[in-house]
C-alpha atoms as a PDB file:
ATOM      1  CA  MET A   1      99.694  97.737  99.499  1.00  0.00           C
ATOM      2  CA  SER A   2     102.166  96.650  96.950  1.00  0.00           C
ATOM      3  CA  VAL A   3     103.137  92.982  97.719  1.00  0.00           C
ATOM      4  CA  ARG A   4     105.362  93.002  94.630  1.00  0.00           C
ATOM      5  CA  HIS A   5     107.293  95.949  95.871  1.00  0.00           C
ATOM      6  CA  SER A   6     107.443  94.645  99.270  1.00  0.00           C
ATOM      7  CA  LEU A   7     108.951  91.374  98.207  1.00  0.00           C
ATOM      8  CA  LEU A   8     111.390  93.262  95.931  1.00  0.00           C
ATOM      9  CA  ALA A   9     112.549  95.154  99.108  1.00  0.00           C
ATOM     10  CA  LEU A  10     112.951  92.043 101.053  1.00  0.00           C
ATOM     11  CA  LEU A  11     114.907  90.308  98.244  1.00  0.00           C
ATOM     12  CA  ASP A  12     117.199  93.504  98.051  1.00  0.00           C
ATOM     13  CA  ARG A  13     118.413  92.575 101.563  1.00  0.00           C
ATOM     14  CA  GLU A  14     119.260  89.005 100.497  1.00  0.00           C
ATOM     15  CA  PRO A  15     118.259  86.077  98.340  1.00  0.00           C
ATOM     16  CA  THR A  16     115.657  84.000 100.022  1.00  0.00           C
ATOM     17  CA  HIS A  17     112.807  81.444  99.669  1.00  0.00           C
ATOM     18  CA  GLY A  18     109.110  82.199  99.685  1.00  0.00           C
ATOM     19  CA  TYR A  19     108.036  81.209 103.276  1.00  0.00           C
ATOM     20  CA  ALA A  20     110.972  83.353 104.557  1.00  0.00           C
ATOM     21  CA  LEU A  21     109.649  86.145 102.583  1.00  0.00           C
ATOM     22  CA  LYS A  22     106.203  85.708 104.089  1.00  0.00           C
ATOM     23  CA  ALA A  23     107.718  85.721 107.537  1.00  0.00           C
ATOM     24  CA  ALA A  24     109.955  88.660 106.798  1.00  0.00           C
ATOM     25  CA  PHE A  25     107.150  90.761 105.437  1.00  0.00           C
ATOM     26  CA  GLU A  26     105.019  90.048 108.466  1.00  0.00           C
ATOM     27  CA  ALA A  27     107.812  90.771 110.842  1.00  0.00           C
ATOM     28  CA  GLY A  28     108.688  93.861 108.986  1.00  0.00           C
ATOM     29  CA  THR A  29     105.162  95.162 109.210  1.00  0.00           C
ATOM     30  CA  ALA A  30     104.787  94.508 112.908  1.00  0.00           C
ATOM     31  CA  HIS A  31     102.669  91.531 112.064  1.00  0.00           C
ATOM     32  CA  THR A  32      99.913  93.810 111.100  1.00  0.00           C
ATOM     33  CA  TRP A  33      99.290  92.546 107.589  1.00  0.00           C
ATOM     34  CA  PRO A  34      99.315  88.737 107.204  1.00  0.00           C
ATOM     35  CA  LEU A  35     100.389  87.611 103.856  1.00  0.00           C
ATOM     36  CA  ASN A  36      99.131  84.363 102.256  1.00  0.00           C
ATOM     37  CA  VAL A  37     102.073  82.044 101.177  1.00  0.00           C
ATOM     38  CA  GLY A  38     100.314  81.363  98.005  1.00  0.00           C
ATOM     39  CA  GLN A  39     100.270  85.060  97.053  1.00  0.00           C
ATOM     40  CA  VAL A  40     104.036  85.156  97.796  1.00  0.00           C
ATOM     41  CA  TYR A  41     104.722  82.459  95.260  1.00  0.00           C
ATOM     42  CA  THR A  42     102.266  83.849  92.655  1.00  0.00           C
ATOM     43  CA  THR A  43     104.039  87.194  93.002  1.00  0.00           C
ATOM     44  CA  LEU A  44     107.389  85.640  92.874  1.00  0.00           C
ATOM     45  CA  ALA A  45     106.429  84.079  89.384  1.00  0.00           C
ATOM     46  CA  ARG A  46     105.131  87.372  88.171  1.00  0.00           C
ATOM     47  CA  LEU A  47     108.448  89.074  89.251  1.00  0.00           C
ATOM     48  CA  GLU A  48     110.313  86.308  87.357  1.00  0.00           C
ATOM     49  CA  ARG A  49     108.092  86.850  84.343  1.00  0.00           C
ATOM     50  CA  ASP A  50     108.652  90.558  84.340  1.00  0.00           C
ATOM     51  CA  GLY A  51     112.514  90.131  84.887  1.00  0.00           C
ATOM     52  CA  LEU A  52     112.498  91.703  88.285  1.00  0.00           C
ATOM     53  CA  ALA A  53     113.557  88.668  90.246  1.00  0.00           C
ATOM     54  CA  SER A  54     115.125  85.334  89.423  1.00  0.00           C
ATOM     55  CA  PRO A  55     115.750  81.922  90.819  1.00  0.00           C
ATOM     56  CA  ALA A  56     119.148  81.919  92.629  1.00  0.00           C
ATOM     57  CA  GLU A  57     121.591  79.216  93.563  1.00  0.00           C
ATOM     58  CA  ASN A  58     120.645  77.855  96.905  1.00  0.00           C
ATOM     59  CA  ALA A  59     123.162  75.881  99.129  1.00  0.00           C
ATOM     60  CA  ASP A  60     120.593  73.346 100.754  1.00  0.00           C
ATOM     61  CA  GLY A  61     119.100  72.435  97.503  1.00  0.00           C
ATOM     62  CA  GLN A  62     115.759  72.011  99.295  1.00  0.00           C
ATOM     63  CA  ARG A  63     113.877  75.218  98.539  1.00  0.00           C
ATOM     64  CA  GLN A  64     113.654  77.523  95.712  1.00  0.00           C
ATOM     65  CA  THR A  65     115.667  80.766  96.575  1.00  0.00           C
ATOM     66  CA  TRP A  66     114.921  84.023  94.784  1.00  0.00           C
ATOM     67  CA  ARG A  67     117.183  87.099  94.220  1.00  0.00           C
ATOM     68  CA  ILE A  68     116.433  90.469  92.931  1.00  0.00           C
ATOM     69  CA  THR A  69     117.764  91.270  89.561  1.00  0.00           C
ATOM     70  CA  ARG A  70     119.354  94.668  88.451  1.00  0.00           C
ATOM     71  CA  GLU A  71     115.976  95.588  86.748  1.00  0.00           C
ATOM     72  CA  GLY A  72     114.168  94.662  90.090  1.00  0.00           C
ATOM     73  CA  ARG A  73     116.533  96.982  92.010  1.00  0.00           C
ATOM     74  CA  ALA A  74     115.739  99.863  89.527  1.00  0.00           C
ATOM     75  CA  GLU A  75     111.987  99.186  89.937  1.00  0.00           C
ATOM     76  CA  LEU A  76     112.427  99.175  93.863  1.00  0.00           C
ATOM     77  CA  VAL A  77     114.174 102.545  93.650  1.00  0.00           C
ATOM     78  CA  ARG A  78     111.416 104.039  91.688  1.00  0.00           C
ATOM     79  CA  TRP A  79     108.911 102.767  94.187  1.00  0.00           C
ATOM     80  CA  PHE A  80     110.636 104.218  97.173  1.00  0.00           C
ATOM     81  CA  GLN A  81     111.215 107.588  95.459  1.00  0.00           C
ATOM     82  CA  ALA A  82     107.549 107.877  94.253  1.00  0.00           C
ATOM     83  CA  ALA A  83     104.943 109.285  96.467  1.00  0.00           C
ATOM     84  CA  VAL A  84     101.879 107.217  97.486  1.00  0.00           C
ATOM     85  CA  VAL A  85      98.851 108.794  96.054  1.00  0.00           C
ATOM     86  CA  GLU A  86      95.246 107.476  96.477  1.00  0.00           C
ATOM     87  CA  ALA A  87      93.423 108.326  93.284  1.00  0.00           C
ATOM     88  CA  PRO A  88      90.599 107.461  93.239  1.00  0.00           C
ATOM     89  CA  PRO A  89      90.586 107.122  97.109  1.00  0.00           C
ATOM     90  CA  ALA A  90      90.105 103.758  98.679  1.00  0.00           C
ATOM     91  CA  ARG A  91      86.631 102.717  99.552  1.00  0.00           C
ATOM     92  CA  ASP A  92      85.809 103.947 103.091  1.00  0.00           C
ATOM     93  CA  GLU A  93      82.961 101.909 104.585  1.00  0.00           C
ATOM     94  CA  LEU A  94      82.214 104.526 107.187  1.00  0.00           C
ATOM     95  CA  ALA A  95      81.913 107.243 104.646  1.00  0.00           C
ATOM     96  CA  ILE A  96      79.936 105.220 102.459  1.00  0.00           C
ATOM     97  CA  LYS A  97      77.512 104.231 105.203  1.00  0.00           C
ATOM     98  CA  VAL A  98      77.106 107.884 106.364  1.00  0.00           C
ATOM     99  CA  LEU A  99      76.551 109.241 102.784  1.00  0.00           C
ATOM    100  CA  LEU A 100      73.972 106.414 101.961  1.00  0.00           C
ATOM    101  CA  ALA A 101      72.222 106.982 105.292  1.00  0.00           C
ATOM    102  CA  ILE A 102      71.935 110.713 104.391  1.00  0.00           C
ATOM    103  CA  ALA A 103      70.711 109.671 100.778  1.00  0.00           C
ATOM    104  CA  ALA A 104      68.122 107.234 102.273  1.00  0.00           C
ATOM    105  CA  GLN A 105      66.539 109.805 104.527  1.00  0.00           C
ATOM    106  CA  THR A 106      65.185 106.915 106.664  1.00  0.00           C
ATOM    107  CA  GLU A 107      68.093 106.465 109.107  1.00  0.00           C
ATOM    108  CA  ASP A 108      69.127 108.402 111.994  1.00  0.00           C
ATOM    109  CA  VAL A 109      72.528 109.677 110.725  1.00  0.00           C
ATOM    110  CA  THR A 110      73.255 111.297 114.155  1.00  0.00           C
ATOM    111  CA  ALA A 111      73.005 107.830 115.843  1.00  0.00           C
ATOM    112  CA  ILE A 112      75.455 106.420 113.354  1.00  0.00           C
ATOM    113  CA  LEU A 113      77.748 109.147 114.090  1.00  0.00           C
ATOM    114  CA  ASP A 114      77.530 108.792 117.752  1.00  0.00           C
ATOM    115  CA  CYS A 115      78.104 105.078 117.641  1.00  0.00           C
ATOM    116  CA  GLN A 116      81.064 105.316 115.311  1.00  0.00           C
ATOM    117  CA  ARG A 117      82.450 108.081 117.640  1.00  0.00           C
ATOM    118  CA  ALA A 118      82.366 105.869 120.704  1.00  0.00           C
ATOM    119  CA  ALA A 119      84.054 103.032 118.888  1.00  0.00           C
ATOM    120  CA  THR A 120      86.681 105.292 117.405  1.00  0.00           C
ATOM    121  CA  MET A 121      87.472 106.663 120.860  1.00  0.00           C
ATOM    122  CA  GLU A 122      87.727 103.266 122.458  1.00  0.00           C
ATOM    123  CA  ARG A 123      90.023 102.191 119.596  1.00  0.00           C
ATOM    124  CA  LEU A 124      92.032 105.424 119.986  1.00  0.00           C
ATOM    125  CA  GLN A 125      92.352 104.851 123.760  1.00  0.00           C
ATOM    126  CA  ASP A 126      93.580 101.230 123.136  1.00  0.00           C
ATOM    127  CA  LEU A 127      96.148 102.424 120.516  1.00  0.00           C
ATOM    128  CA  THR A 128      97.341 105.120 123.071  1.00  0.00           C
ATOM    129  CA  ARG A 129      97.739 102.439 125.758  1.00  0.00           C
ATOM    130  CA  GLN A 130      99.725 100.241 123.126  1.00  0.00           C
ATOM    131  CA  LYS A 131     101.849 103.135 122.327  1.00  0.00           C
ATOM    132  CA  ALA A 132     102.731 103.675 125.951  1.00  0.00           C
ATOM    133  CA  ARG A 133     103.839 100.098 126.215  1.00  0.00           C
ATOM    134  CA  ALA A 134     105.925  99.954 122.968  1.00  0.00           C
ATOM    135  CA  ASP A 135     109.626 100.050 123.290  1.00  0.00           C
ATOM    136  CA  PRO A 136     111.072 102.674 120.809  1.00  0.00           C
ATOM    137  CA  GLU A 137     114.523 100.930 120.848  1.00  0.00           C
ATOM    138  CA  HIS A 138     113.284  97.538 119.750  1.00  0.00           C
ATOM    139  CA  GLU A 139     109.821  98.206 118.327  1.00  0.00           C
ATOM    140  CA  LEU A 140     110.268 101.239 116.107  1.00  0.00           C
ATOM    141  CA  GLY A 141     108.205  99.982 113.226  1.00  0.00           C
ATOM    142  CA  TRP A 142     105.388  98.895 115.590  1.00  0.00           C
ATOM    143  CA  LEU A 143     105.566 102.358 117.134  1.00  0.00           C
ATOM    144  CA  LEU A 144     105.617 104.126 113.807  1.00  0.00           C
ATOM    145  CA  LEU A 145     102.542 102.046 112.729  1.00  0.00           C
ATOM    146  CA  LEU A 146     100.615 102.896 115.982  1.00  0.00           C
ATOM    147  CA  ASP A 147     101.595 106.670 115.362  1.00  0.00           C
ATOM    148  CA  ALA A 148      99.786 106.305 111.993  1.00  0.00           C
ATOM    149  CA  LEU A 149      96.763 104.450 113.367  1.00  0.00           C
ATOM    150  CA  VAL A 150      96.319 107.100 116.125  1.00  0.00           C
ATOM    151  CA  LEU A 151      96.511 109.953 113.541  1.00  0.00           C
ATOM    152  CA  LYS A 152      93.881 108.085 111.430  1.00  0.00           C
ATOM    153  CA  ALA A 153      91.563 107.569 114.451  1.00  0.00           C
ATOM    154  CA  GLU A 154      92.080 111.316 115.398  1.00  0.00           C
ATOM    155  CA  ALA A 155      91.134 112.255 111.763  1.00  0.00           C
ATOM    156  CA  GLU A 156      88.088 110.054 111.806  1.00  0.00           C
ATOM    157  CA  LEU A 157      86.896 111.824 114.971  1.00  0.00           C
ATOM    158  CA  ARG A 158      87.342 115.109 113.394  1.00  0.00           C
ATOM    159  CA  TRP A 159      85.523 114.028 110.435  1.00  0.00           C
ATOM    160  CA  LEU A 160      82.612 112.723 112.564  1.00  0.00           C
ATOM    161  CA  ASP A 161      82.541 116.069 114.322  1.00  0.00           C
ATOM    162  CA  LEU A 162      82.392 117.860 110.952  1.00  0.00           C
ATOM    163  CA  CYS A 163      79.670 115.684 109.789  1.00  0.00           C
ATOM    164  CA  ALA A 164      77.553 116.305 112.921  1.00  0.00           C
ATOM    165  CA  ALA A 165      78.062 120.034 112.656  1.00  0.00           C
ATOM    166  CA  ARG A 166      77.115 120.058 108.972  1.00  0.00           C
ATOM    167  CA  LEU A 167      73.967 117.855 109.535  1.00  0.00           C
ATOM    168  CA  ALA A 168      73.023 120.200 112.517  1.00  0.00           C
ATOM    169  CA  ALA A 169      73.472 123.184 110.455  1.00  0.00           C
ATOM    170  CA  ARG A 170      71.326 121.801 107.698  1.00  0.00           C
ATOM    171  CA  GLY A 171      68.658 120.645 110.369  1.00  0.00           C
ATOM    172  CA  ALA A 172      68.963 117.062 109.117  1.00  0.00           C
ATOM    173  CA  ARG A 173      68.529 114.144 111.632  1.00  0.00           C
END
């Protein structure tokens, strides 16, 4: 996740202060990813250093308000237009666990897969219930996030099934 670009996107809507950026980020991401206010201010300082944001005049004189610069807007456009590519892939604790259990040859990999499958099925059922309760008119962001989480859980189940099939074909435990 790019906090840098997220803050630029929020500043592109209107100049604002750090704590409001934190609140807007969390609201805009359906309160799924908390953001440390210290990280907001550190990122704002870097954005200023890089010429992407600058302090703005604020009416109340109480809090420092920030605005996006022309260069910041150009950077934001580049970010929105670029595909997100995970290279190298993010660390996946489940994949690491399964691979190391196979390498160790001392763990029951099938038991690991079964345990994870049960947990993933439970998570998938919970996500499905949340989707059924979500209001598409007022919670579009939350609903889209739930869609992504459901698809990831379904992909994880498919991967677990593939692991089990490959292990069975190999005669591994």
